[in-house]
């Protein structure tokens, strides 16, 4: 009888202490999850910004190269036409 009462008291104490323990641990888990989510979101935002900047730089470089090539081709064509006209 005494053994059963002791076991019941122990089980009751465990049931009382378990929600408190779970409460604290779930709070810690929630805080950890929130921190991890915030860190992941910040990293993703930084990665997207860097990617957009890289794409923008590549687009600017390509546009500059195309403009330079077009200008060079136009200058060469004009020079060739002028030389041909002057020679004739």
PDB file of N, CA and C in Angstrom:
ATOM      1  N   UNK A   1       0.829  -1.192   0.000  1.00  0.00           N
ATOM      2  CA  UNK A   1       0.000   0.000   0.000  1.00  0.00           C
ATOM      3  C   UNK A   1       0.871   1.252   0.000  1.00  0.00           C
ATOM      4  N   UNK A   2       1.874   1.221   0.858  1.00  0.00           N
ATOM      5  CA  UNK A   2       2.776   2.358   0.927  1.00  0.00           C
ATOM      6  C   UNK A   2       3.546   2.511  -0.385  1.00  0.00           C
ATOM      7  N   UNK A   3       3.912   1.393  -0.969  1.00  0.00           N
ATOM      8  CA  UNK A   3       4.643   1.401  -2.234  1.00  0.00           C
ATOM      9  C   UNK A   3       3.793   2.019  -3.331  1.00  0.00           C
ATOM     10  N   UNK A   4       2.533   1.638  -3.378  1.00  0.00           N
ATOM     11  CA  UNK A   4       1.647   2.162  -4.422  1.00  0.00           C
ATOM     12  C   UNK A   4       1.452   3.660  -4.260  1.00  0.00           C
ATOM     13  N   UNK A   5       1.292   4.112  -3.016  1.00  0.00           N
ATOM     14  CA  UNK A   5       1.109   5.550  -2.767  1.00  0.00           C
ATOM     15  C   UNK A   5       2.353   6.304  -3.209  1.00  0.00           C
ATOM     16  N   UNK A   6       3.522   5.737  -2.905  1.00  0.00           N
ATOM     17  CA  UNK A   6       4.775   6.388  -3.285  1.00  0.00           C
ATOM     18  C   UNK A   6       4.897   6.478  -4.803  1.00  0.00           C
ATOM     19  N   UNK A   7       4.516   5.403  -5.489  1.00  0.00           N
ATOM     20  CA  UNK A   7       4.578   5.407  -6.952  1.00  0.00           C
ATOM     21  C   UNK A   7       3.597   6.424  -7.512  1.00  0.00           C
ATOM     22  N   UNK A   8       2.386   6.481  -6.908  1.00  0.00           N
ATOM     23  CA  UNK A   8       1.391   7.446  -7.383  1.00  0.00           C
ATOM     24  C   UNK A   8       1.873   8.879  -7.164  1.00  0.00           C
ATOM     25  N   UNK A   9       2.473   9.138  -6.014  1.00  0.00           N
ATOM     26  CA  UNK A   9       2.996  10.479  -5.737  1.00  0.00           C
ATOM     27  C   UNK A   9       4.107  10.816  -6.723  1.00  0.00           C
ATOM     28  N   UNK A  10       4.964   9.844  -6.983  1.00  0.00           N
ATOM     29  CA  UNK A  10       6.057  10.059  -7.933  1.00  0.00           C
ATOM     30  C   UNK A  10       5.510  10.348  -9.332  1.00  0.00           C
ATOM     31  N   UNK A  11       4.499   9.559  -9.757  1.00  0.00           N
ATOM     32  CA  UNK A  11       3.894   9.767 -11.075  1.00  0.00           C
ATOM     33  C   UNK A  11       3.210  11.130 -11.122  1.00  0.00           C
ATOM     34  N   UNK A  12       2.497  11.484 -10.041  1.00  0.00           N
ATOM     35  CA  UNK A  12       1.818  12.774  -9.983  1.00  0.00           C
ATOM     36  C   UNK A  12       2.834  13.915 -10.064  1.00  0.00           C
ATOM     37  N   UNK A  13       3.951  13.770  -9.328  1.00  0.00           N
ATOM     38  CA  UNK A  13       4.993  14.799  -9.369  1.00  0.00           C
ATOM     39  C   UNK A  13       5.558  14.909 -10.780  1.00  0.00           C
ATOM     40  N   UNK A  14       5.734  13.764 -11.428  1.00  0.00           N
ATOM     41  CA  UNK A  14       6.266  13.763 -12.791  1.00  0.00           C
ATOM     42  C   UNK A  14       5.287  14.460 -13.731  1.00  0.00           C
ATOM     43  N   UNK A  15       3.987  14.176 -13.544  1.00  0.00           N
ATOM     44  CA  UNK A  15       2.977  14.813 -14.401  1.00  0.00           C
ATOM     45  C   UNK A  15       2.919  16.314 -14.152  1.00  0.00           C
ATOM     46  N   UNK A  16       3.113  16.739 -12.918  1.00  0.00           N
ATOM     47  CA  UNK A  16       3.083  18.172 -12.611  1.00  0.00           C
ATOM     48  C   UNK A  16       4.334  18.856 -13.163  1.00  0.00           C
ATOM     49  N   UNK A  17       5.474  18.203 -13.010  1.00  0.00           N
ATOM     50  CA  UNK A  17       6.715  18.845 -13.432  1.00  0.00           C
ATOM     51  C   UNK A  17       6.913  18.765 -14.948  1.00  0.00           C
ATOM     52  N   UNK A  18       6.271  17.794 -15.599  1.00  0.00           N
ATOM     53  CA  UNK A  18       6.477  17.607 -17.035  1.00  0.00           C
ATOM     54  C   UNK A  18       5.983  18.793 -17.859  1.00  0.00           C
ATOM     55  N   UNK A  19       4.764  19.312 -17.612  1.00  0.00           N
ATOM     56  CA  UNK A  19       4.334  20.460 -18.420  1.00  0.00           C
ATOM     57  C   UNK A  19       5.242  21.668 -18.247  1.00  0.00           C
ATOM     58  N   UNK A  20       5.718  21.901 -17.021  1.00  0.00           N
ATOM     59  CA  UNK A  20       6.617  23.028 -16.805  1.00  0.00           C
ATOM     60  C   UNK A  20       7.905  22.829 -17.598  1.00  0.00           C
ATOM     61  N   UNK A  21       8.441  21.613 -17.531  1.00  0.00           N
ATOM     62  CA  UNK A  21       9.656  21.313 -18.287  1.00  0.00           C
ATOM     63  C   UNK A  21       9.407  21.460 -19.780  1.00  0.00           C
ATOM     64  N   UNK A  22       8.287  20.919 -20.242  1.00  0.00           N
ATOM     65  CA  UNK A  22       7.960  21.035 -21.659  1.00  0.00           C
ATOM     66  C   UNK A  22       7.736  22.484 -22.040  1.00  0.00           C
ATOM     67  N   UNK A  23       7.125  23.250 -21.141  1.00  0.00           N
ATOM     68  CA  UNK A  23       6.899  24.663 -21.412  1.00  0.00           C
ATOM     69  C   UNK A  23       8.203  25.393 -21.643  1.00  0.00           C
ATOM     70  N   UNK A  24       9.162  25.156 -20.741  1.00  0.00           N
ATOM     71  CA  UNK A  24      10.451  25.821 -20.917  1.00  0.00           C
ATOM     72  C   UNK A  24      11.154  25.328 -22.163  1.00  0.00           C
ATOM     73  N   UNK A  25      11.148  24.015 -22.369  1.00  0.00           N
ATOM     74  CA  UNK A  25      11.876  23.492 -23.524  1.00  0.00           C
ATOM     75  C   UNK A  25      11.190  23.905 -24.818  1.00  0.00           C
ATOM     76  N   UNK A  26       9.844  23.963 -24.814  1.00  0.00           N
ATOM     77  CA  UNK A  26       9.167  24.390 -26.035  1.00  0.00           C
ATOM     78  C   UNK A  26       9.438  25.864 -26.294  1.00  0.00           C
ATOM     79  N   UNK A  27       9.552  26.669 -25.226  1.00  0.00           N
ATOM     80  CA  UNK A  27       9.907  28.074 -25.406  1.00  0.00           C
ATOM     81  C   UNK A  27      11.299  28.196 -26.004  1.00  0.00           C
ATOM     82  N   UNK A  28      12.219  27.391 -25.489  1.00  0.00           N
ATOM     83  CA  UNK A  28      13.580  27.396 -26.035  1.00  0.00           C
ATOM     84  C   UNK A  28      13.561  26.950 -27.490  1.00  0.00           C
ATOM     85  N   UNK A  29      12.777  25.908 -27.789  1.00  0.00           N
ATOM     86  CA  UNK A  29      12.686  25.423 -29.169  1.00  0.00           C
ATOM     87  C   UNK A  29      12.096  26.497 -30.070  1.00  0.00           C
ATOM     88  N   UNK A  30      11.060  27.185 -29.596  1.00  0.00           N
ATOM     89  CA  UNK A  30      10.451  28.258 -30.397  1.00  0.00           C
ATOM     90  C   UNK A  30      11.458  29.367 -30.650  1.00  0.00           C
ATOM     91  N   UNK A  31      12.206  29.748 -29.617  1.00  0.00           N
ATOM     92  CA  UNK A  31      13.217  30.796 -29.783  1.00  0.00           C
ATOM     93  C   UNK A  31      14.278  30.353 -30.779  1.00  0.00           C
ATOM     94  N   UNK A  32      14.733  29.107 -30.657  1.00  0.00           N
ATOM     95  CA  UNK A  32      15.746  28.593 -31.585  1.00  0.00           C
ATOM     96  C   UNK A  32      15.205  28.567 -33.006  1.00  0.00           C
ATOM     97  N   UNK A  33      13.967  28.103 -33.175  1.00  0.00           N
ATOM     98  CA  UNK A  33      13.366  28.050 -34.513  1.00  0.00           C
ATOM     99  C   UNK A  33      13.231  29.451 -35.091  1.00  0.00           C
ATOM    100  N   UNK A  34      12.785  30.409 -34.274  1.00  0.00           N
ATOM    101  CA  UNK A  34      12.645  31.791 -34.752  1.00  0.00           C
ATOM    102  C   UNK A  34      13.996  32.353 -35.157  1.00  0.00           C
ATOM    103  N   UNK A  35      15.023  32.113 -34.342  1.00  0.00           N
ATOM    104  CA  UNK A  35      16.364  32.606 -34.669  1.00  0.00           C
ATOM    105  C   UNK A  35      16.859  31.972 -35.963  1.00  0.00           C
ATOM    106  N   UNK A  36      16.664  30.663 -36.103  1.00  0.00           N
ATOM    107  CA  UNK A  36      17.110  29.976 -37.322  1.00  0.00           C
ATOM    108  C   UNK A  36      16.366  30.511 -38.539  1.00  0.00           C
ATOM    109  N   UNK A  37      15.052  30.708 -38.412  1.00  0.00           N
ATOM    110  CA  UNK A  37      14.266  31.230 -39.542  1.00  0.00           C
ATOM    111  C   UNK A  37      14.734  32.631 -39.913  1.00  0.00           C
ATOM    112  N   UNK A  38      14.975  33.477 -38.908  1.00  0.00           N
ATOM    113  CA  UNK A  38      15.442  34.837 -39.183  1.00  0.00           C
ATOM    114  C   UNK A  38      16.798  34.806 -39.868  1.00  0.00           C
ATOM    115  N   UNK A  39      17.705  33.962 -39.381  1.00  0.00           N
ATOM    116  CA  UNK A  39      19.032  33.856 -39.997  1.00  0.00           C
ATOM    117  C   UNK A  39      18.914  33.369 -41.436  1.00  0.00           C
ATOM    118  N   UNK A  40      18.077  32.358 -41.670  1.00  0.00           N
ATOM    119  CA  UNK A  40      17.905  31.835 -43.032  1.00  0.00           C
ATOM    120  C   UNK A  40      17.319  32.905 -43.944  1.00  0.00           C
ATOM    121  N   UNK A  41      16.321  33.648 -43.453  1.00  0.00           N
ATOM    122  CA  UNK A  41      15.717  34.710 -44.271  1.00  0.00           C
ATOM    123  C   UNK A  41      16.746  35.786 -44.591  1.00  0.00           C
ATOM    124  N   UNK A  42      17.546  36.180 -43.604  1.00  0.00           N
ATOM    125  CA  UNK A  42      18.573  37.199 -43.837  1.00  0.00           C
ATOM    126  C   UNK A  42      19.593  36.704 -44.853  1.00  0.00           C
ATOM    127  N   UNK A  43      20.028  35.456 -44.720  1.00  0.00           N
ATOM    128  CA  UNK A  43      21.000  34.898 -45.667  1.00  0.00           C
ATOM    129  C   UNK A  43      20.409  34.842 -47.071  1.00  0.00           C
ATOM    130  N   UNK A  44      19.148  34.428 -47.188  1.00  0.00           N
ATOM    131  CA  UNK A  44      18.506  34.355 -48.508  1.00  0.00           C
ATOM    132  C   UNK A  44      18.372  35.746 -49.113  1.00  0.00           C
ATOM    133  N   UNK A  45      17.983  36.735 -48.303  1.00  0.00           N
ATOM    134  CA  UNK A  45      17.856  38.109 -48.812  1.00  0.00           C
ATOM    135  C   UNK A  45      19.207  38.632 -49.275  1.00  0.00           C
ATOM    136  N   UNK A  46      20.252  38.394 -48.484  1.00  0.00           N
ATOM    137  CA  UNK A  46      21.596  38.829 -48.881  1.00  0.00           C
ATOM    138  C   UNK A  46      22.021  38.134 -50.166  1.00  0.00           C
ATOM    139  N   UNK A  47      21.744  36.836 -50.277  1.00  0.00           N
ATOM    140  CA  UNK A  47      22.106  36.100 -51.491  1.00  0.00           C
ATOM    141  C   UNK A  47      21.361  36.647 -52.704  1.00  0.00           C
ATOM    142  N   UNK A  48      20.080  36.962 -52.544  1.00  0.00           N
ATOM    143  CA  UNK A  48      19.301  37.508 -53.664  1.00  0.00           C
ATOM    144  C   UNK A  48      19.831  38.878 -54.057  1.00  0.00           C
ATOM    145  N   UNK A  49      20.153  39.718 -53.075  1.00  0.00           N
ATOM    146  CA  UNK A  49      20.699  41.045 -53.379  1.00  0.00           C
ATOM    147  C   UNK A  49      22.023  40.924 -54.112  1.00  0.00           C
ATOM    148  N   UNK A  50      22.894  40.038 -53.638  1.00  0.00           N
ATOM    149  CA  UNK A  50      24.182  39.832 -54.305  1.00  0.00           C
ATOM    150  C   UNK A  50      23.969  39.312 -55.721  1.00  0.00           C
ATOM    151  N   UNK A  51      23.042  38.374 -55.886  1.00  0.00           N
ATOM    152  CA  UNK A  51      22.754  37.837 -57.219  1.00  0.00           C
ATOM    153  C   UNK A  51      22.240  38.925 -58.150  1.00  0.00           C
ATOM    154  N   UNK A  52      21.342  39.772 -57.656  1.00  0.00           N
ATOM    155  CA  UNK A  52      20.815  40.870 -58.477  1.00  0.00           C
ATOM    156  C   UNK A  52      21.936  41.836 -58.848  1.00  0.00           C
ATOM    157  N   UNK A  53      22.813  42.141 -57.897  1.00  0.00           N
ATOM    158  CA  UNK A  53      23.939  43.031 -58.199  1.00  0.00           C
ATOM    159  C   UNK A  53      24.867  42.423 -59.238  1.00  0.00           C
ATOM    160  N   UNK A  54      25.150  41.135 -59.106  1.00  0.00           N
ATOM    161  CA  UNK A  54      26.020  40.468 -60.080  1.00  0.00           C
ATOM    162  C   UNK A  54      25.378  40.483 -61.460  1.00  0.00           C
ATOM    163  N   UNK A  55      24.090  40.177 -61.530  1.00  0.00           N
ATOM    164  CA  UNK A  55      23.392  40.194 -62.822  1.00  0.00           C
ATOM    165  C   UNK A  55      23.401  41.602 -63.403  1.00  0.00           C
ATOM    166  N   UNK A  56      23.181  42.608 -62.571  1.00  0.00           N
ATOM    167  CA  UNK A  56      23.196  43.991 -63.048  1.00  0.00           C
ATOM    168  C   UNK A  56      24.571  44.368 -63.584  1.00  0.00           C
ATOM    169  N   UNK A  57      25.620  43.974 -62.873  1.00  0.00           N
ATOM    170  CA  UNK A  57      26.980  44.266 -63.335  1.00  0.00           C
ATOM    171  C   UNK A  57      27.254  43.564 -64.658  1.00  0.00           C
ATOM    172  N   UNK A  58      26.842  42.309 -64.775  1.00  0.00           N
ATOM    173  CA  UNK A  58      27.049  41.566 -66.027  1.00  0.00           C
ATOM    174  C   UNK A  58      26.289  42.233 -67.167  1.00  0.00           C
ATOM    175  N   UNK A  59      25.062  42.656 -66.918  1.00  0.00           N
ATOM    176  CA  UNK A  59      24.272  43.325 -67.963  1.00  0.00           C
ATOM    177  C   UNK A  59      24.948  44.619 -68.386  1.00  0.00           C
ATOM    178  N   UNK A  60      25.432  45.406 -67.429  1.00  0.00           N
ATOM    179  CA  UNK A  60      26.120  46.658 -67.759  1.00  0.00           C
ATOM    180  C   UNK A  60      27.373  46.377 -68.575  1.00  0.00           C
ATOM    181  N   UNK A  61      28.147  45.386 -68.179  1.00  0.00           N
ATOM    182  CA  UNK A  61      29.366  45.043 -68.918  1.00  0.00           C
ATOM    183  C   UNK A  61      29.023  44.602 -70.336  1.00  0.00           C
ATOM    184  N   UNK A  62      28.000  43.773 -70.487  1.00  0.00           N
ATOM    185  CA  UNK A  62      27.602  43.310 -71.824  1.00  0.00           C
ATOM    186  C   UNK A  62      27.141  44.485 -72.677  1.00  0.00           C
ATOM    187  N   UNK A  63      26.362  45.381 -72.114  1.00  0.00           N
ATOM    188  CA  UNK A  63      25.897  46.553 -72.870  1.00  0.00           C
ATOM    189  C   UNK A  63      27.076  47.421 -73.289  1.00  0.00           C
ATOM    190  N   UNK A  64      28.021  47.648 -72.390  1.00  0.00           N
ATOM    191  CA  UNK A  64      29.199  48.452 -72.721  1.00  0.00           C
ATOM    192  C   UNK A  64      30.001  47.784 -73.829  1.00  0.00           C
ATOM    193  N   UNK A  65      30.195  46.476 -73.737  1.00  0.00           N
ATOM    194  CA  UNK A  65      30.948  45.759 -74.774  1.00  0.00           C
ATOM    195  C   UNK A  65      30.231  45.849 -76.113  1.00  0.00           C
ATOM    196  N   UNK A  66      28.919  45.671 -76.122  1.00  0.00           N
ATOM    197  CA  UNK A  66      28.157  45.750 -77.375  1.00  0.00           C
ATOM    198  C   UNK A  66      28.260  47.153 -77.967  1.00  0.00           C
ATOM    199  N   UNK A  67      28.136  48.175 -77.140  1.00  0.00           N
ATOM    200  CA  UNK A  67      28.244  49.554 -77.635  1.00  0.00           C
ATOM    201  C   UNK A  67      29.628  49.810 -78.209  1.00  0.00           C
ATOM    202  N   UNK A  68      30.660  49.363 -77.516  1.00  0.00           N
ATOM    203  CA  UNK A  68      32.029  49.549 -78.010  1.00  0.00           C
ATOM    204  C   UNK A  68      32.216  48.828 -79.335  1.00  0.00           C
ATOM    205  N   UNK A  69      31.732  47.599 -79.436  1.00  0.00           N
ATOM    206  CA  UNK A  69      31.867  46.842 -80.687  1.00  0.00           C
ATOM    207  C   UNK A  69      31.122  47.546 -81.819  1.00  0.00           C
ATOM    208  N   UNK A  70      29.916  48.019 -81.558  1.00  0.00           N
ATOM    209  CA  UNK A  70      29.142  48.715 -82.591  1.00  0.00           C
ATOM    210  C   UNK A  70      29.862  49.987 -83.026  1.00  0.00           C
ATOM    211  N   UNK A  71      30.391  50.749 -82.078  1.00  0.00           N
ATOM    212  CA  UNK A  71      31.119  51.977 -82.415  1.00  0.00           C
ATOM    213  C   UNK A  71      32.351  51.654 -83.245  1.00  0.00           C
ATOM    214  N   UNK A  72      33.091  50.631 -82.858  1.00  0.00           N
ATOM    215  CA  UNK A  72      34.288  50.243 -83.611  1.00  0.00           C
ATOM    216  C   UNK A  72      33.909  49.812 -85.023  1.00  0.00           C
ATOM    217  N   UNK A  73      32.868  49.018 -85.163  1.00  0.00           N
ATOM    218  CA  UNK A  73      32.436  48.561 -86.491  1.00  0.00           C
ATOM    219  C   UNK A  73      32.007  49.757 -87.342  1.00  0.00           C
ATOM    220  N   UNK A  74      31.251  50.676 -86.769  1.00  0.00           N
ATOM    221  CA  UNK A  74      30.812  51.861 -87.521  1.00  0.00           C
ATOM    222  C   UNK A  74      32.010  52.700 -87.949  1.00  0.00           C
ATOM    223  N   UNK A  75      32.962  52.903 -87.054  1.00  0.00           N
ATOM    224  CA  UNK A  75      34.157  53.680 -87.389  1.00  0.00           C
ATOM    225  C   UNK A  75      34.940  52.994 -88.496  1.00  0.00           C
ATOM    226  N   UNK A  76      35.114  51.694 -88.408  1.00  0.00           N
ATOM    227  CA  UNK A  76      35.851  50.952 -89.438  1.00  0.00           C
ATOM    228  C   UNK A  76      35.128  51.059 -90.776  1.00  0.00           C
ATOM    229  N   UNK A  77      33.824  50.897 -90.789  1.00  0.00           N
ATOM    230  CA  UNK A  77      33.058  50.984 -92.036  1.00  0.00           C
ATOM    231  C   UNK A  77      33.170  52.390 -92.623  1.00  0.00           C
ATOM    232  N   UNK A  78      33.056  53.409 -91.796  1.00  0.00           N
ATOM    233  CA  UNK A  78      33.173  54.788 -92.284  1.00  0.00           C
ATOM    234  C   UNK A  78      34.561  55.034 -92.852  1.00  0.00           C
ATOM    235  N   UNK A  79      35.592  54.585 -92.169  1.00  0.00           N
ATOM    236  CA  UNK A  79      36.966  54.763 -92.651  1.00  0.00           C
ATOM    237  C   UNK A  79      37.155  54.037 -93.976  1.00  0.00           C
ATOM    238  N   UNK A  80      36.669  52.819 -94.078  1.00  0.00           N
ATOM    239  CA  UNK A  80      36.816  52.053 -95.322  1.00  0.00           C
ATOM    240  C   UNK A  80      36.074  52.764 -96.455  1.00  0.00           C
ATOM    241  N   UNK A  81      34.874  53.230 -96.199  1.00  0.00           N
ATOM    242  CA  UNK A  81      34.096  53.924 -97.237  1.00  0.00           C
ATOM    243  C   UNK A  81      34.805  55.205 -97.660  1.00  0.00           C
ATOM    244  N   UNK A  82      35.314  55.965 -96.702  1.00  0.00           N
ATOM    245  CA  UNK A  82      36.027  57.208 -97.029  1.00  0.00           C
ATOM    246  C   UNK A  82      37.272  56.908 -97.839  1.00  0.00           C
ATOM    247  N   UNK A  83      38.024  55.900 -97.455  1.00  0.00           N
ATOM    248  CA  UNK A  83      39.248  55.538 -98.181  1.00  0.00           C
ATOM    249  C   UNK A  83      38.900  55.085 -99.591  1.00  0.00           C
ATOM    250  N   UNK A  84      37.879  54.271 -99.747  1.00  0.00           N
ATOM    251  CA  UNK A  84      37.485  53.779-101.068  1.00  0.00           C
ATOM    252  C   UNK A  84      37.016  54.952-101.940  1.00  0.00           C
ATOM    253  N   UNK A  85      36.242  55.849-101.369  1.00  0.00           N
ATOM    254  CA  UNK A  85      35.747  57.006-102.134  1.00  0.00           C
ATOM    255  C   UNK A  85      36.903  57.918-102.516  1.00  0.00           C
ATOM    256  N   UNK A  86      37.848  58.140-101.623  1.00  0.00           N
ATOM    257  CA  UNK A  86      38.984  59.010-101.921  1.00  0.00           C
ATOM    258  C   UNK A  86      39.910  58.386-102.955  1.00  0.00           C
ATOM    259  N   UNK A  87      40.060  57.084-102.908  1.00  0.00           N
ATOM    260  CA  UNK A  87      40.938  56.406-103.861  1.00  0.00           C
ATOM    261  C   UNK A  87      40.316  56.472-105.256  1.00  0.00           C
ATOM    262  N   UNK A  88      39.013  56.285-105.344  1.00  0.00           N
ATOM    263  CA  UNK A  88      38.356  56.310-106.654  1.00  0.00           C
ATOM    264  C   UNK A  88      38.304  57.745-107.110  1.00  0.00           C
TER     265      UNK A  88
END
